[in-house]
Amino acid sequence: TPAEKYLTPFNLLLTVPFYGLQVAVIADLAARYRLRWKTVYYLGLIYGILEEGFAVQTMLHPSGVGNVNVPPMLTRILGLDVAWAVYIDVFHSVVSVVSTIIIIKLIWPSRVSEPFLRKKQYAVIVPILVAVYAAIIIFVVGATRYIPEAGALVVLALACASLGYLAVRNQRKTITSLSKPVPTRRYLFWALGLALGFFPLTIIVLTGAGLPALNLPVIIFTIAFGYLFSAFFGRMDTDPQLTEGKQLWIFLIFVGFWLVFPTILRTPLSSLAAY
């Protein structure tokens, strides 16, 4: 999303009840049930499907929705833009969910280290989220006059169910800790490698969409990187001394490459200065 379109009163106000509450719920569940990073990553993938699939519907709409305006990759299966769907889902899980929880832990460790939401608060939060989702769906359908295909909705629902199963399975299995902590430089190399590898996909999706020849490579590479991120967070779970310093560098590398650089590509520095 170009910065000048995102930095509007409406979008900023929407950020709190839409993005903020959902990530807060995941962070609270992570603290309440001592969820592993890999489990949080799976929940982040579910979050991405719920937001970009069912609510904003960028995974479904053939010509982009709202501020996204990403041309379709033309690989549509049952009404689902597969290339964009797998890309934005991995992006949201790593940047919107995992990295957000990491940075909050660094800034305010006590806030997300223990459960911070009560049942009474859930009784308020859940209806708000339902109402926000319903309002967004009604707005998107009304504005675009596009009704998603039933097959696409079924695929997204099955994907959510499968990811939920993987999250529960990962949380229940026994994990053996490493005999010694992983050196910080190795985390940096892994994070940098994943960011550098995934960043070209960001460029292709944002600037080269609509080229049929890119569809299959984008899908394959994004799925591969999604698996690598799963393995990466799994390794973080086995480190007995995952320090805050390591988490900070991981956050900076991920968000620096995928949030700041694409924004600059979409919004030249001259436009930011003028804004």
Protein backbone atom coordinates (compact mmCIF):
# COMPACT_ATOMS: atom_id res chain seq x y z
CA THR A 1 0.00 0.00 0.00
CA PRO A 2 1.48 3.40 -0.94
CA ALA A 3 2.18 5.43 2.19
CA GLU A 4 -0.01 8.36 1.16
CA LYS A 5 -3.00 6.02 0.82
CA TYR A 6 -2.33 4.20 4.07
CA LEU A 7 -1.76 7.31 6.18
CA THR A 8 -5.36 8.48 6.13
CA PRO A 9 -7.62 8.93 9.18
CA PHE A 10 -9.92 6.12 8.05
CA ASN A 11 -7.15 3.59 7.49
CA LEU A 12 -5.35 4.51 10.69
CA LEU A 13 -8.57 4.17 12.69
CA LEU A 14 -9.27 0.82 11.03
CA THR A 15 -5.83 -0.43 12.03
CA VAL A 16 -6.71 -0.64 15.73
CA PRO A 17 -9.95 -2.69 15.67
CA PHE A 18 -8.95 -4.77 12.64
CA TYR A 19 -5.20 -5.46 12.72
CA GLY A 20 -4.56 -4.58 16.34
CA LEU A 21 -7.26 -6.64 18.02
CA GLN A 22 -6.52 -9.76 15.98
CA VAL A 23 -2.80 -9.67 16.74
CA ALA A 24 -3.57 -8.90 20.39
CA VAL A 25 -5.72 -12.03 20.59
CA ILE A 26 -2.95 -14.16 19.06
CA ALA A 27 -0.39 -12.62 21.43
CA ASP A 28 -2.64 -13.32 24.42
CA LEU A 29 -3.20 -16.93 23.33
CA ALA A 30 0.55 -17.31 22.83
CA ALA A 31 1.21 -16.13 26.39
CA ARG A 32 -1.75 -18.02 27.90
CA TYR A 33 -0.86 -21.39 26.39
CA ARG A 34 2.89 -20.87 26.01
CA LEU A 35 2.65 -21.25 22.27
CA ARG A 36 5.82 -21.91 20.34
CA TRP A 37 7.00 -19.54 17.60
CA LYS A 38 6.19 -22.11 14.95
CA THR A 39 2.65 -22.39 16.32
CA VAL A 40 2.28 -18.61 16.26
CA TYR A 41 3.50 -18.68 12.66
CA TYR A 42 0.70 -21.11 11.73
CA LEU A 43 -1.84 -18.87 13.49
CA GLY A 44 -0.42 -15.97 11.49
CA LEU A 45 -1.12 -17.86 8.27
CA ILE A 46 -4.72 -18.35 9.41
CA TYR A 47 -4.89 -14.62 10.17
CA GLY A 48 -3.67 -13.84 6.64
CA ILE A 49 -6.35 -16.02 5.06
CA LEU A 50 -9.11 -14.52 7.20
CA GLU A 51 -8.05 -10.99 6.38
CA GLU A 52 -6.97 -11.13 2.73
CA GLY A 53 -9.30 -13.97 1.78
CA PHE A 54 -12.61 -13.59 3.57
CA ALA A 55 -12.56 -9.91 4.59
CA VAL A 56 -10.66 -7.72 2.12
CA GLN A 57 -10.88 -10.47 -0.54
CA THR A 58 -7.66 -9.58 -2.39
CA MET A 59 -7.06 -13.33 -2.76
CA LEU A 60 -10.35 -13.65 -4.60
CA HIS A 61 -10.99 -10.47 -6.55
CA PRO A 62 -9.69 -10.58 -10.15
CA SER A 63 -8.44 -6.99 -10.22
CA GLY A 64 -7.35 -6.10 -6.70
CA VAL A 65 -9.30 -4.35 -3.97
CA GLY A 66 -8.92 -0.93 -2.37
CA ASN A 67 -5.36 0.22 -1.69
CA VAL A 68 -3.78 -3.05 -2.80
CA ASN A 69 -4.33 -2.71 -6.56
CA VAL A 70 -2.11 -5.68 -7.38
CA PRO A 71 -2.76 -6.91 -10.93
CA PRO A 72 -3.86 -10.57 -10.96
CA MET A 73 -1.18 -13.16 -11.63
CA LEU A 74 -3.73 -14.91 -13.86
CA THR A 75 -3.34 -18.28 -12.15
CA ARG A 76 -6.86 -18.65 -10.81
CA ILE A 77 -8.02 -21.94 -9.36
CA LEU A 78 -11.68 -22.09 -8.35
CA GLY A 79 -11.73 -18.30 -8.29
CA LEU A 80 -8.60 -18.00 -6.11
CA ASP A 81 -5.57 -15.97 -7.18
CA VAL A 82 -3.07 -18.59 -6.02
CA ALA A 83 0.18 -16.67 -6.54
CA TRP A 84 -0.97 -13.61 -4.64
CA ALA A 85 -2.70 -15.71 -1.98
CA VAL A 86 0.36 -17.71 -0.97
CA TYR A 87 2.61 -14.65 -1.13
CA ILE A 88 0.51 -12.28 0.97
CA ASP A 89 -0.30 -15.05 3.46
CA VAL A 90 3.36 -15.72 4.26
CA PHE A 91 4.02 -11.97 4.36
CA HIS A 92 1.23 -11.32 6.85
CA SER A 93 2.23 -14.18 9.12
CA VAL A 94 5.86 -13.07 9.40
CA VAL A 95 5.46 -9.29 9.33
CA SER A 96 1.98 -8.58 10.72
CA VAL A 97 1.90 -11.27 13.41
CA VAL A 98 5.23 -12.84 14.43
CA SER A 99 7.39 -9.73 14.04
CA THR A 100 4.77 -7.55 15.76
CA ILE A 101 4.67 -9.83 18.80
CA ILE A 102 8.48 -9.91 18.87
CA ILE A 103 8.80 -6.11 18.90
CA ILE A 104 6.12 -5.73 21.59
CA LYS A 105 8.00 -8.25 23.74
CA LEU A 106 11.11 -6.13 23.34
CA ILE A 107 9.40 -2.83 24.14
CA TRP A 108 7.02 -4.10 26.84
CA PRO A 109 8.15 -7.60 27.92
CA SER A 110 5.65 -8.01 30.74
CA ARG A 111 2.72 -7.19 28.45
CA VAL A 112 2.90 -10.26 26.23
CA SER A 113 4.85 -12.61 28.46
CA GLU A 114 1.76 -13.32 30.54
CA PRO A 115 -1.94 -13.43 29.56
CA PHE A 116 -3.27 -9.87 29.39
CA LEU A 117 -6.85 -10.36 28.16
CA ARG A 118 -9.70 -11.52 30.39
CA LYS A 119 -12.87 -13.39 29.52
CA LYS A 120 -14.87 -10.18 29.89
CA GLN A 121 -12.58 -8.48 27.40
CA TYR A 122 -12.98 -11.35 24.93
CA ALA A 123 -16.74 -10.88 25.25
CA VAL A 124 -16.21 -7.37 23.87
CA ILE A 125 -13.37 -8.04 21.42
CA VAL A 126 -14.97 -10.97 19.57
CA PRO A 127 -18.22 -9.11 18.72
CA ILE A 128 -16.16 -6.09 17.60
CA LEU A 129 -14.10 -8.29 15.26
CA VAL A 130 -17.23 -9.97 13.90
CA ALA A 131 -18.80 -6.57 13.28
CA VAL A 132 -15.66 -5.19 11.62
CA TYR A 133 -15.33 -8.27 9.39
CA ALA A 134 -18.99 -8.06 8.43
CA ALA A 135 -18.70 -4.34 7.65
CA ILE A 136 -15.60 -4.86 5.50
CA ILE A 137 -17.16 -7.76 3.60
CA ILE A 138 -20.35 -5.76 2.93
CA PHE A 139 -18.31 -2.73 1.85
CA VAL A 140 -16.00 -4.72 -0.46
CA VAL A 141 -18.82 -6.66 -2.11
CA GLY A 142 -20.85 -3.49 -2.50
CA ALA A 143 -17.95 -1.48 -3.91
CA THR A 144 -16.67 -4.12 -6.33
CA ARG A 145 -19.94 -5.87 -7.22
CA TYR A 146 -17.97 -9.10 -7.19
CA ILE A 147 -19.31 -12.23 -5.50
CA PRO A 148 -16.53 -14.74 -4.68
CA GLU A 149 -16.90 -18.23 -6.07
CA ALA A 150 -18.07 -20.83 -3.56
CA GLY A 151 -15.18 -23.11 -4.48
CA ALA A 152 -12.63 -20.47 -3.48
CA LEU A 153 -14.28 -19.95 -0.11
CA VAL A 154 -14.26 -23.72 0.49
CA VAL A 155 -10.53 -23.88 -0.37
CA LEU A 156 -9.76 -21.04 2.06
CA ALA A 157 -11.83 -22.67 4.81
CA LEU A 158 -10.03 -26.00 4.30
CA ALA A 159 -6.68 -24.18 4.38
CA CYS A 160 -7.60 -22.57 7.72
CA ALA A 161 -8.68 -25.94 9.14
CA SER A 162 -5.44 -27.60 7.97
CA LEU A 163 -3.28 -24.85 9.46
CA GLY A 164 -5.24 -25.10 12.71
CA TYR A 165 -4.49 -28.82 12.79
CA LEU A 166 -0.79 -28.19 12.17
CA ALA A 167 -0.73 -25.58 14.96
CA VAL A 168 -2.31 -27.98 17.47
CA ARG A 169 -0.05 -30.83 16.35
CA ASN A 170 3.08 -28.69 16.64
CA GLN A 171 2.08 -27.51 20.10
CA ARG A 172 1.50 -31.05 21.36
CA LYS A 173 4.62 -32.74 20.01
CA THR A 174 7.71 -33.05 22.17
CA ILE A 175 10.59 -30.79 21.18
CA THR A 176 14.12 -31.52 22.29
CA SER A 177 16.10 -28.39 23.10
CA LEU A 178 19.49 -27.83 21.58
CA SER A 179 22.42 -28.76 23.77
CA LYS A 180 23.81 -25.25 23.35
CA PRO A 181 22.36 -21.96 22.11
CA VAL A 182 22.64 -21.03 18.44
CA PRO A 183 25.21 -18.25 17.81
CA THR A 184 23.61 -14.90 17.06
CA ARG A 185 25.44 -14.58 13.75
CA ARG A 186 23.79 -17.79 12.53
CA TYR A 187 20.35 -16.35 13.23
CA LEU A 188 21.37 -13.21 11.36
CA PHE A 189 22.55 -15.22 8.35
CA TRP A 190 19.34 -17.25 8.30
CA ALA A 191 17.10 -14.21 8.66
CA LEU A 192 19.05 -12.25 6.05
CA GLY A 193 18.99 -15.19 3.65
CA LEU A 194 15.24 -15.62 4.02
CA ALA A 195 14.65 -11.89 3.60
CA LEU A 196 16.93 -11.60 0.55
CA GLY A 197 15.37 -14.68 -0.99
CA PHE A 198 11.79 -13.57 -0.42
CA PHE A 199 12.34 -9.93 -1.38
CA PRO A 200 12.59 -10.59 -5.16
CA LEU A 201 9.19 -12.27 -4.92
CA THR A 202 7.88 -9.04 -3.41
CA ILE A 203 9.26 -7.07 -6.36
CA ILE A 204 7.77 -9.50 -8.88
CA VAL A 205 4.36 -9.55 -7.23
CA LEU A 206 4.19 -5.77 -6.83
CA THR A 207 5.64 -4.76 -10.20
CA GLY A 208 5.58 -7.81 -12.47
CA ALA A 209 2.13 -9.21 -11.80
CA GLY A 210 0.04 -10.18 -14.77
CA LEU A 211 2.82 -12.12 -16.51
CA PRO A 212 1.56 -15.71 -16.88
CA ALA A 213 5.11 -17.07 -17.17
CA LEU A 214 5.81 -15.96 -13.58
CA ASN A 215 2.84 -17.69 -12.01
CA LEU A 216 4.24 -21.15 -11.36
CA PRO A 217 7.71 -19.97 -10.18
CA VAL A 218 6.12 -17.46 -7.80
CA ILE A 219 3.83 -20.12 -6.35
CA ILE A 220 6.59 -22.72 -5.97
CA PHE A 221 9.14 -20.34 -4.46
CA THR A 222 6.63 -18.77 -2.07
CA ILE A 223 5.49 -22.18 -0.81
CA ALA A 224 9.15 -23.16 -0.41
CA PHE A 225 9.93 -20.01 1.58
CA GLY A 226 6.80 -20.55 3.65
CA TYR A 227 8.18 -23.98 4.60
CA LEU A 228 11.61 -22.51 5.33
CA PHE A 229 10.07 -19.94 7.67
CA SER A 230 8.26 -22.76 9.43
CA ALA A 231 11.57 -24.56 9.89
CA PHE A 232 13.27 -21.33 10.99
CA PHE A 233 10.73 -20.62 13.73
CA GLY A 234 10.90 -24.28 14.70
CA ARG A 235 14.62 -23.86 15.26
CA MET A 236 13.94 -20.77 17.37
CA ASP A 237 11.74 -22.97 19.58
CA THR A 238 14.60 -25.35 20.27
CA ASP A 239 17.06 -22.66 21.34
CA PRO A 240 17.24 -22.64 25.17
CA GLN A 241 18.59 -19.08 25.21
CA LEU A 242 16.81 -17.13 22.52
CA THR A 243 17.87 -13.68 23.66
CA GLU A 244 16.01 -10.45 23.08
CA GLY A 245 18.94 -9.24 20.99
CA LYS A 246 18.45 -12.09 18.53
CA GLN A 247 14.74 -11.39 18.35
CA LEU A 248 15.40 -7.71 17.67
CA TRP A 249 17.71 -8.42 14.76
CA ILE A 250 15.27 -10.92 13.29
CA PHE A 251 12.52 -8.31 13.50
CA LEU A 252 14.64 -5.56 11.93
CA ILE A 253 15.72 -7.77 9.05
CA PHE A 254 12.23 -9.06 8.23
CA VAL A 255 10.39 -5.79 8.57
CA GLY A 256 13.18 -3.70 7.06
CA PHE A 257 13.12 -5.66 3.82
CA TRP A 258 9.41 -6.35 3.46
CA LEU A 259 7.71 -3.30 4.90
CA VAL A 260 10.03 -0.36 4.33
CA PHE A 261 11.54 -1.19 0.94
CA PRO A 262 8.28 -2.10 -0.85
CA THR A 263 6.73 1.10 0.52
CA ILE A 264 9.57 3.13 -0.96
CA LEU A 265 9.11 1.30 -4.28
CA ARG A 266 5.43 2.25 -4.26
CA THR A 267 5.99 5.72 -2.79
CA PRO A 268 9.11 7.64 -3.96
CA LEU A 269 11.04 9.49 -1.28
CA SER A 270 10.04 12.77 -2.91
CA SER A 271 6.37 11.93 -2.35
CA LEU A 272 7.04 11.02 1.27
CA ALA A 273 8.83 14.33 1.80
CA ALA A 274 5.97 16.24 0.22
CA TYR A 275 3.48 14.34 2.34
